[in-house]
N, C-alpha and C. Protein backbone atom coordinates (compact mmCIF):
# COMPACT_ATOMS: atom_id res chain seq x y z
N UNK A 1 -28.25 17.70 15.91
CA UNK A 1 -28.73 19.34 16.82
C UNK A 1 -28.02 20.18 16.90
N UNK A 2 -28.11 20.99 16.62
CA UNK A 2 -27.03 22.06 16.67
C UNK A 2 -26.73 23.22 17.43
N UNK A 3 -25.52 23.53 18.07
CA UNK A 3 -25.30 24.30 19.53
C UNK A 3 -24.56 25.58 18.80
N UNK A 4 -25.03 26.43 19.15
CA UNK A 4 -24.93 27.90 19.29
C UNK A 4 -23.72 27.94 20.15
N UNK A 5 -22.86 28.95 20.43
CA UNK A 5 -21.94 29.46 20.96
C UNK A 5 -22.71 29.79 22.13
N UNK A 6 -23.96 30.12 22.47
CA UNK A 6 -24.74 30.57 23.72
C UNK A 6 -24.85 29.41 24.53
N UNK A 7 -25.10 28.38 23.46
CA UNK A 7 -25.68 27.03 23.92
C UNK A 7 -24.22 26.00 24.90
N UNK A 8 -23.47 26.35 23.98
CA UNK A 8 -22.25 26.08 24.20
C UNK A 8 -21.67 26.49 25.89
N UNK A 9 -21.63 27.39 25.76
CA UNK A 9 -21.29 28.43 27.14
C UNK A 9 -22.31 28.13 28.48
N UNK A 10 -23.42 27.86 28.07
CA UNK A 10 -23.98 27.05 29.69
C UNK A 10 -24.51 25.72 29.19
N UNK A 11 -23.39 25.14 29.22
CA UNK A 11 -23.43 23.52 29.38
C UNK A 11 -23.33 23.15 30.92
N UNK A 12 -24.58 22.20 30.95
CA UNK A 12 -24.70 21.87 32.71
C UNK A 12 -23.83 20.25 32.61
N UNK A 13 -23.16 20.70 34.25
CA UNK A 13 -22.29 19.31 34.15
C UNK A 13 -23.07 17.96 34.76
N UNK A 14 -22.57 16.78 34.55
CA UNK A 14 -23.50 15.61 35.66
C UNK A 14 -24.14 15.83 36.51
N UNK A 15 -23.74 17.02 37.39
CA UNK A 15 -24.48 17.10 38.73
C UNK A 15 -25.61 18.11 38.48
N UNK A 16 -26.07 18.40 37.31
CA UNK A 16 -26.97 19.29 36.83
C UNK A 16 -26.65 21.20 36.77
N UNK A 17 -25.51 21.47 37.42
CA UNK A 17 -25.00 22.58 37.47
C UNK A 17 -24.52 22.74 36.45
N UNK A 18 -24.98 24.78 35.63
CA UNK A 18 -24.35 25.04 34.78
C UNK A 18 -23.07 25.40 35.05
N UNK A 19 -22.05 25.46 34.19
CA UNK A 19 -20.87 25.28 33.85
C UNK A 19 -20.65 26.34 32.86
N UNK A 20 -19.73 27.67 33.36
CA UNK A 20 -19.33 28.44 32.10
C UNK A 20 -18.27 27.98 31.47
N UNK A 21 -18.38 27.70 30.00
CA UNK A 21 -16.87 27.54 29.31
C UNK A 21 -17.01 28.44 28.61
N UNK A 22 -15.61 28.78 28.40
CA UNK A 22 -15.23 29.93 27.18
C UNK A 22 -15.50 29.04 25.99
N UNK A 23 -16.38 29.77 24.63
CA UNK A 23 -16.28 29.44 23.65
C UNK A 23 -15.28 29.19 23.08
N UNK A 24 -15.29 28.37 22.25
CA UNK A 24 -14.23 28.16 21.02
C UNK A 24 -13.95 26.27 21.02
N UNK A 25 -12.56 26.13 20.59
CA UNK A 25 -12.44 24.81 20.99
C UNK A 25 -11.98 24.02 21.88
N UNK A 26 -12.69 22.89 22.13
CA UNK A 26 -12.51 22.23 23.49
C UNK A 26 -11.26 22.22 23.64
N UNK A 27 -10.89 21.76 25.01
CA UNK A 27 -9.78 21.41 25.44
C UNK A 27 -9.42 19.44 25.33
N UNK A 28 -8.19 19.41 24.36
CA UNK A 28 -7.74 18.42 24.67
C UNK A 28 -7.56 17.69 25.98
N UNK A 29 -7.66 15.92 26.02
CA UNK A 29 -7.63 15.39 27.19
C UNK A 29 -6.44 14.94 27.11
N UNK A 30 -5.31 15.04 28.81
CA UNK A 30 -4.19 14.34 27.89
C UNK A 30 -3.85 13.09 29.16
N UNK A 31 -3.04 12.51 29.21
CA UNK A 31 -2.83 11.45 29.83
C UNK A 31 -1.48 11.06 30.19
N UNK A 32 -1.05 11.20 31.70
CA UNK A 32 0.00 10.39 32.14
C UNK A 32 0.31 9.27 31.76
N UNK A 33 1.52 8.64 31.83
CA UNK A 33 2.28 7.68 31.67
C UNK A 33 1.72 7.15 32.22
N UNK A 34 1.76 7.08 33.84
CA UNK A 34 1.16 6.34 34.80
C UNK A 34 -0.13 6.02 34.89
N UNK A 35 -1.16 6.59 34.14
CA UNK A 35 -2.66 6.55 34.40
C UNK A 35 -2.63 5.71 32.97
N UNK A 36 -2.04 5.94 31.62
CA UNK A 36 -2.03 4.85 30.56
C UNK A 36 -1.93 3.41 31.05
N UNK A 37 -0.35 3.54 31.82
CA UNK A 37 0.18 2.11 32.17
C UNK A 37 -0.76 1.52 33.10
N UNK A 38 -1.40 2.18 33.78
CA UNK A 38 -2.83 1.34 34.81
C UNK A 38 -3.62 0.79 34.25
N UNK A 39 -4.27 2.33 33.32
CA UNK A 39 -5.42 1.79 31.93
C UNK A 39 -5.15 -0.28 31.49
N UNK A 40 -4.11 0.16 31.09
CA UNK A 40 -3.18 -1.11 30.30
C UNK A 40 -3.61 -2.25 30.92
N UNK A 41 -2.86 -2.06 32.17
CA UNK A 41 -2.92 -3.41 33.01
C UNK A 41 -4.04 -3.95 33.35
N UNK A 42 -4.79 -2.71 34.07
CA UNK A 42 -6.69 -2.85 34.30
C UNK A 42 -7.57 -3.47 33.01
N UNK A 43 -6.95 -3.20 31.80
CA UNK A 43 -7.69 -4.32 30.74
C UNK A 43 -7.22 -5.28 30.37
N UNK A 44 -6.08 -4.95 30.40
CA UNK A 44 -5.36 -6.69 29.89
C UNK A 44 -5.59 -7.42 31.14
N UNK A 45 -5.84 -7.20 32.22
CA UNK A 45 -6.11 -8.18 33.40
C UNK A 45 -7.77 -8.85 33.03
N UNK A 46 -8.29 -8.32 32.32
CA UNK A 46 -9.58 -8.57 32.17
C UNK A 46 -9.76 -10.02 30.73
N UNK A 47 -10.77 -10.36 30.60
CA UNK A 47 -10.91 -11.46 30.37
C UNK A 47 -11.32 -10.83 28.41
N UNK A 48 -10.33 -11.66 27.59
CA UNK A 48 -10.78 -11.06 26.13
C UNK A 48 -12.32 -11.49 25.46
N UNK A 49 -12.45 -10.35 24.76
CA UNK A 49 -14.16 -9.88 25.01
C UNK A 49 -15.03 -10.14 25.48
N UNK A 50 -14.40 -9.92 26.71
CA UNK A 50 -15.83 -9.67 27.88
C UNK A 50 -16.13 -8.21 28.22
N UNK A 51 -17.61 -8.46 28.65
CA UNK A 51 -18.34 -6.87 28.75
C UNK A 51 -17.28 -6.27 29.37
N UNK A 52 -16.49 -6.73 30.50
CA UNK A 52 -16.51 -6.05 31.73
C UNK A 52 -14.63 -4.77 30.92
N UNK A 53 -14.29 -5.39 30.12
CA UNK A 53 -13.55 -4.26 29.07
C UNK A 53 -14.52 -3.21 28.52
N UNK A 54 -15.33 -3.16 27.94
CA UNK A 54 -16.24 -2.29 27.06
C UNK A 54 -16.51 -1.48 28.87
N UNK A 55 -17.30 -2.00 29.92
CA UNK A 55 -17.58 -1.06 30.86
C UNK A 55 -16.39 -0.25 31.40
N UNK A 56 -14.96 -0.95 31.17
CA UNK A 56 -14.07 -0.18 31.60
C UNK A 56 -13.48 1.36 31.11
N UNK A 57 -13.65 0.76 29.32
CA UNK A 57 -13.04 1.82 28.54
C UNK A 57 -14.43 3.29 28.55
N UNK A 58 -15.87 2.73 29.32
CA UNK A 58 -16.78 3.75 29.16
C UNK A 58 -16.44 4.46 30.48
N UNK A 59 -16.76 3.90 31.24
CA UNK A 59 -16.25 4.31 32.73
C UNK A 59 -14.93 5.78 32.83
N UNK A 60 -13.97 5.16 31.98
CA UNK A 60 -12.95 5.89 31.83
C UNK A 60 -13.09 7.18 30.44
N UNK A 61 -13.93 6.96 30.19
CA UNK A 61 -14.69 7.75 28.33
C UNK A 61 -13.19 7.52 27.68
N UNK A 62 -12.85 6.52 27.47
CA UNK A 62 -11.99 5.97 26.61
C UNK A 62 -12.32 5.02 25.11
N UNK A 63 -11.61 5.18 24.01
CA UNK A 63 -11.84 4.42 23.15
C UNK A 63 -11.03 3.25 22.97
N UNK A 64 -11.03 2.42 21.84
CA UNK A 64 -10.47 1.03 22.24
C UNK A 64 -8.93 1.33 21.34
N UNK A 65 -9.39 2.29 20.26
CA UNK A 65 -7.88 2.95 19.94
C UNK A 65 -6.84 3.59 20.99
N UNK A 66 -7.70 4.25 22.20
CA UNK A 66 -6.50 4.69 22.79
C UNK A 66 -5.62 3.58 23.43
N UNK A 67 -6.29 2.04 23.99
CA UNK A 67 -5.42 1.33 24.58
C UNK A 67 -4.81 0.73 23.47
N UNK A 68 -5.44 0.37 21.99
CA UNK A 68 -4.49 0.28 20.83
C UNK A 68 -2.72 1.31 21.02
N UNK A 69 -3.14 1.99 20.88
CA UNK A 69 -2.00 3.40 20.92
C UNK A 69 -1.48 3.13 22.09
N UNK A 70 -1.82 2.82 22.89
CA UNK A 70 -0.74 2.99 24.35
C UNK A 70 -0.54 1.49 24.30
N UNK A 71 -0.47 0.67 23.53
CA UNK A 71 0.03 -0.97 24.00
C UNK A 71 1.05 -0.59 22.31
N UNK A 72 0.67 0.05 21.62
CA UNK A 72 2.07 0.09 20.94
C UNK A 72 3.02 1.17 21.31
N UNK A 73 2.79 2.05 21.78
CA UNK A 73 3.71 2.70 22.96
C UNK A 73 4.28 2.27 23.47
N UNK A 74 3.50 1.09 24.61
CA UNK A 74 4.19 0.20 25.77
C UNK A 74 5.32 -0.84 24.58
N UNK A 75 5.07 -1.06 23.73
CA UNK A 75 5.75 -2.44 22.89
C UNK A 75 7.01 -1.44 22.30
N UNK A 76 6.80 -0.64 21.95
CA UNK A 76 8.05 0.45 21.42
C UNK A 76 8.62 0.69 22.83
N UNK A 77 8.65 1.12 23.90
CA UNK A 77 9.33 1.70 25.05
C UNK A 77 9.37 2.81 24.84
N UNK A 78 8.14 3.73 24.23
CA UNK A 78 7.99 5.38 24.56
C UNK A 78 7.36 5.75 25.59
N UNK A 79 6.29 4.56 26.30
CA UNK A 79 5.21 4.61 27.34
C UNK A 79 6.02 4.20 28.67
N UNK A 80 5.38 4.51 30.02
CA UNK A 80 6.66 4.35 31.43
C UNK A 80 7.05 2.99 31.29
N UNK A 81 8.11 2.76 31.54
CA UNK A 81 8.99 1.60 32.02
C UNK A 81 7.92 0.72 32.57
N UNK A 82 7.43 1.05 33.94
CA UNK A 82 6.56 -0.11 34.57
C UNK A 82 5.14 -0.20 34.24
N UNK A 83 4.60 -0.83 32.90
CA UNK A 83 3.61 -0.43 32.81
C UNK A 83 3.13 -2.07 33.06
N UNK A 84 3.71 -2.54 33.80
CA UNK A 84 2.76 -3.62 35.10
C UNK A 84 2.48 -4.92 34.21
N UNK A 85 3.37 -4.89 32.80
CA UNK A 85 3.21 -6.30 31.94
C UNK A 85 4.28 -6.60 32.08
N UNK A 86 4.37 -7.98 32.53
CA UNK A 86 5.87 -9.20 32.70
C UNK A 86 6.44 -9.38 30.93
N UNK A 87 7.56 -9.13 30.69
CA UNK A 87 8.94 -9.55 29.48
C UNK A 87 7.91 -10.48 29.28
N UNK A 88 7.90 -10.70 28.32
CA UNK A 88 7.30 -11.47 27.06
C UNK A 88 8.40 -12.06 26.81
N UNK A 89 7.93 -14.14 26.72
CA UNK A 89 9.22 -15.04 26.09
C UNK A 89 9.15 -15.16 25.02
N UNK A 90 10.10 -15.59 25.06
CA UNK A 90 9.97 -16.10 23.24
C UNK A 90 9.10 -17.08 23.02
N UNK A 91 8.99 -17.92 23.52
CA UNK A 91 7.60 -18.71 23.06
C UNK A 91 6.53 -18.10 23.18
N UNK A 92 5.93 -16.91 23.78
CA UNK A 92 5.08 -16.20 23.89
C UNK A 92 5.14 -15.28 22.65
N UNK A 93 6.41 -14.70 22.24
CA UNK A 93 6.54 -14.07 20.81
C UNK A 93 5.83 -14.66 19.76
N UNK A 94 6.81 -15.79 19.41
CA UNK A 94 6.38 -17.05 18.54
C UNK A 94 4.75 -17.00 18.48
N UNK A 95 4.25 -17.52 19.76
CA UNK A 95 2.78 -17.51 19.46
C UNK A 95 1.75 -16.52 18.68
N UNK A 96 2.36 -15.44 19.29
CA UNK A 96 1.87 -14.34 18.57
C UNK A 96 2.05 -14.06 16.94
N UNK A 97 3.47 -14.47 16.55
CA UNK A 97 3.77 -14.40 15.43
C UNK A 97 2.25 -15.40 14.30
N UNK A 98 2.28 -16.80 15.38
CA UNK A 98 1.86 -17.99 14.70
C UNK A 98 0.02 -17.38 14.42
N UNK A 99 -0.52 -16.98 15.49
CA UNK A 99 -1.62 -16.29 15.49
C UNK A 99 -1.96 -15.62 14.70
N UNK A 100 -0.79 -14.63 14.20
CA UNK A 100 -0.84 -13.60 13.10
C UNK A 100 -1.19 -14.07 12.01
N UNK A 101 -0.45 -15.23 11.52
CA UNK A 101 -0.37 -15.83 10.22
C UNK A 101 -1.43 -16.53 10.06
N UNK A 102 -1.59 -17.28 11.26
CA UNK A 102 -2.93 -18.10 11.06
C UNK A 102 -4.08 -17.35 10.66
N UNK A 103 -4.32 -16.36 11.31
CA UNK A 103 -5.55 -15.14 10.80
C UNK A 103 -5.52 -14.88 9.82
N UNK A 104 -4.15 -14.61 9.02
CA UNK A 104 -3.99 -14.03 7.82
C UNK A 104 -4.49 -15.19 6.99
N UNK A 105 -3.59 -16.36 7.13
CA UNK A 105 -4.22 -18.03 6.01
C UNK A 105 -6.10 -18.00 6.26
N UNK A 106 -6.35 -17.72 7.34
CA UNK A 106 -7.68 -18.46 7.26
C UNK A 106 -8.78 -17.04 6.41
N UNK A 107 -8.10 -16.19 6.74
CA UNK A 107 -8.73 -14.56 5.62
C UNK A 107 -8.60 -15.14 4.25
N UNK A 108 -7.45 -15.51 3.94
CA UNK A 108 -6.81 -16.07 2.63
C UNK A 108 -7.57 -17.61 1.93
N UNK A 109 -7.89 -17.89 2.87
CA UNK A 109 -9.05 -19.17 3.04
C UNK A 109 -10.23 -19.46 2.31
N UNK A 110 -10.73 -18.16 3.44
CA UNK A 110 -12.64 -17.02 3.23
C UNK A 110 -12.04 -16.76 1.63
N UNK A 111 -10.90 -15.76 1.15
CA UNK A 111 -11.60 -15.42 -0.33
C UNK A 111 -11.41 -16.56 -1.24
N UNK A 112 -10.40 -17.38 -1.05
CA UNK A 112 -10.80 -18.57 -2.00
C UNK A 112 -11.69 -18.67 -2.33
N UNK A 113 -12.43 -19.55 -0.91
CA UNK A 113 -13.78 -20.13 -0.90
C UNK A 113 -14.84 -19.67 -1.76
N UNK A 114 -14.78 -18.17 -1.54
CA UNK A 114 -15.61 -17.34 -2.10
C UNK A 114 -15.32 -16.99 -3.71
N UNK A 115 -13.91 -17.54 -4.01
CA UNK A 115 -13.70 -17.47 -5.59
C UNK A 115 -14.20 -18.46 -6.49
N UNK A 116 -13.87 -19.58 -5.65
CA UNK A 116 -14.55 -20.95 -5.66
C UNK A 116 -15.92 -21.01 -6.30
N UNK A 117 -17.04 -20.71 -5.50
CA UNK A 117 -18.41 -20.79 -5.30
C UNK A 117 -18.45 -19.49 -6.54
N UNK A 118 -17.88 -18.36 -6.90
CA UNK A 118 -18.38 -17.86 -7.69
C UNK A 118 -17.99 -18.36 -9.18
N UNK A 119 -16.83 -18.92 -9.03
CA UNK A 119 -16.31 -19.79 -10.90
C UNK A 119 -17.35 -21.05 -10.90
N UNK A 120 -17.57 -21.85 -9.39
CA UNK A 120 -18.82 -22.63 -9.69
C UNK A 120 -19.86 -22.61 -10.40
N UNK A 121 -20.27 -21.28 -9.97
CA UNK A 121 -21.69 -20.89 -10.45
C UNK A 121 -21.38 -20.61 -11.98
N UNK A 122 -20.19 -19.80 -12.36
CA UNK A 122 -20.18 -19.62 -13.68
C UNK A 122 -20.12 -21.10 -14.65
N UNK A 123 -19.41 -21.65 -14.09
CA UNK A 123 -19.25 -23.01 -14.50
C UNK A 123 -20.53 -23.72 -14.94
N UNK A 124 -21.29 -23.69 -14.23
CA UNK A 124 -22.74 -24.06 -14.09
C UNK A 124 -23.87 -23.40 -15.45
N UNK A 125 -23.39 -21.75 -15.29
CA UNK A 125 -23.80 -21.28 -16.37
C UNK A 125 -23.39 -21.48 -17.51
N UNK A 126 -22.19 -22.00 -17.79
CA UNK A 126 -21.56 -22.23 -18.86
C UNK A 126 -22.16 -23.78 -19.43
N UNK A 127 -22.12 -24.50 -19.04
CA UNK A 127 -22.25 -26.07 -18.89
C UNK A 127 -24.16 -25.90 -19.57
N UNK A 128 -25.16 -25.06 -19.03
CA UNK A 128 -25.92 -24.97 -19.36
C UNK A 128 -26.25 -24.36 -20.83
N UNK A 129 -25.74 -23.29 -20.71
CA UNK A 129 -25.15 -22.60 -22.39
C UNK A 129 -25.16 -23.35 -23.24
N UNK A 130 -23.76 -24.35 -23.34
CA UNK A 130 -23.43 -25.56 -23.68
C UNK A 130 -24.60 -26.77 -24.27
N UNK A 131 -25.08 -27.03 -22.94
CA UNK A 131 -26.08 -27.48 -23.29
C UNK A 131 -27.27 -27.23 -24.24
N UNK A 132 -27.80 -25.76 -23.93
CA UNK A 132 -28.76 -25.45 -25.25
C UNK A 132 -28.52 -25.21 -26.52
N UNK A 133 -26.69 -25.10 -27.02
CA UNK A 133 -26.33 -24.79 -27.43
C UNK A 133 -26.63 -26.23 -28.33
N UNK A 134 -25.75 -27.11 -27.90
CA UNK A 134 -25.98 -28.44 -28.06
C UNK A 134 -27.53 -28.92 -28.91
N UNK A 135 -28.33 -28.77 -28.06
CA UNK A 135 -30.04 -29.13 -28.14
C UNK A 135 -30.18 -28.42 -29.50
N UNK A 136 -29.96 -27.30 -29.79
CA UNK A 136 -30.38 -26.70 -30.98
C UNK A 136 -29.47 -26.63 -31.88
N UNK A 137 -28.61 -27.24 -32.07
CA UNK A 137 -27.76 -28.19 -33.35
C UNK A 137 -28.45 -28.75 -33.59
N UNK A 138 -29.02 -30.02 -32.62
CA UNK A 138 -29.54 -31.29 -33.13
C UNK A 138 -30.83 -30.81 -33.64
N UNK A 139 -31.62 -29.88 -33.20
CA UNK A 139 -32.69 -29.67 -33.68
C UNK A 139 -32.77 -29.26 -34.96
N UNK A 140 -31.54 -27.90 -35.63
CA UNK A 140 -31.72 -27.68 -36.29
C UNK A 140 -31.44 -28.65 -37.63
N UNK A 141 -29.99 -29.45 -37.49
CA UNK A 141 -30.34 -30.40 -38.18
C UNK A 141 -31.52 -31.85 -38.32
N UNK A 142 -32.09 -31.84 -37.42
CA UNK A 142 -33.48 -32.43 -37.72
C UNK A 142 -34.72 -32.38 -38.57
N UNK A 143 -34.52 -30.74 -38.17
CA UNK A 143 -35.56 -30.18 -39.08
C UNK A 143 -34.78 -29.79 -40.02
N UNK A 144 -33.43 -29.81 -40.76
CA UNK A 144 -32.92 -29.37 -42.10
C UNK A 144 -32.86 -31.04 -42.70
N UNK A 145 -32.93 -31.88 -42.32
CA UNK A 145 -33.22 -33.18 -42.68
C UNK A 145 -34.40 -33.52 -43.21
N UNK A 146 -35.36 -33.24 -42.38
CA UNK A 146 -37.42 -32.93 -42.63
C UNK A 146 -37.35 -32.54 -44.14
N UNK A 147 -36.56 -31.42 -43.95
CA UNK A 147 -37.22 -30.27 -45.00
C UNK A 147 -36.37 -30.79 -46.52
N UNK A 148 -35.33 -31.89 -46.38
CA UNK A 148 -34.34 -32.24 -48.06
C UNK A 148 -35.13 -33.19 -48.31
N UNK A 149 -35.71 -32.73 -49.94
CA UNK A 149 -36.47 -33.90 -50.66
C UNK A 149 -35.84 -35.02 -50.79
N UNK A 150 -36.44 -36.46 -50.39
CA UNK A 150 -35.51 -37.43 -50.50
C UNK A 150 -35.55 -37.79 -52.52
N UNK A 151 -34.77 -38.61 -52.75
CA UNK A 151 -34.60 -38.70 -53.95
C UNK A 151 -35.39 -40.06 -54.39
N UNK A 152 -36.37 -39.62 -55.67
CA UNK A 152 -37.61 -40.86 -55.81
C UNK A 152 -36.38 -41.98 -56.47
N UNK A 153 -36.91 -42.75 -55.96
CA UNK A 153 -35.79 -44.00 -56.67
C UNK A 153 -36.78 -44.23 -58.05
N UNK A 154 -35.33 -44.38 -58.94
CA UNK A 154 -36.18 -44.91 -60.57
C UNK A 154 -36.93 -46.08 -60.69
N UNK A 155 -37.87 -45.75 -61.44
CA UNK A 155 -38.85 -47.05 -61.53
C UNK A 155 -38.59 -47.61 -63.15
N UNK A 156 -39.45 -48.27 -63.24
CA UNK A 156 -39.48 -48.68 -64.52
C UNK A 156 -39.87 -47.97 -65.92
N UNK A 157 -39.00 -47.79 -66.80
CA UNK A 157 -39.34 -47.10 -67.88
C UNK A 157 -39.77 -47.67 -69.16
């Protein structure tokens, strides 16, 4: 659906009332450091992979990329100092690194498995071709021997 400038100026709000907007580029939302820290803390408090995380993002009209970006800011120290997250221990850092390495190794193993299956298929095709070539060779030798006249044995003179 294409919206004209007239359509954009007479947009209805969530309550059904018409709100007058200035035509042109929409205003980009900005978030305070406190808001980012609060949302990060709420997001991290929810179980990983749960539907509640998605519900929180929808309620706040955010994308997962916002969370990733804000998490990087928090790790770099460019977000507010009080993000609500406790300092990570050395063991937690090591576990994070090991999990990342494990993830990479699993991906590499999956690639190698796929390559192994592909090569096994090619090996099967090659064996079939060699078997056919061998049968053809034996067939040619047999038919050639059948066509070659045998020498008559010398008889009495």
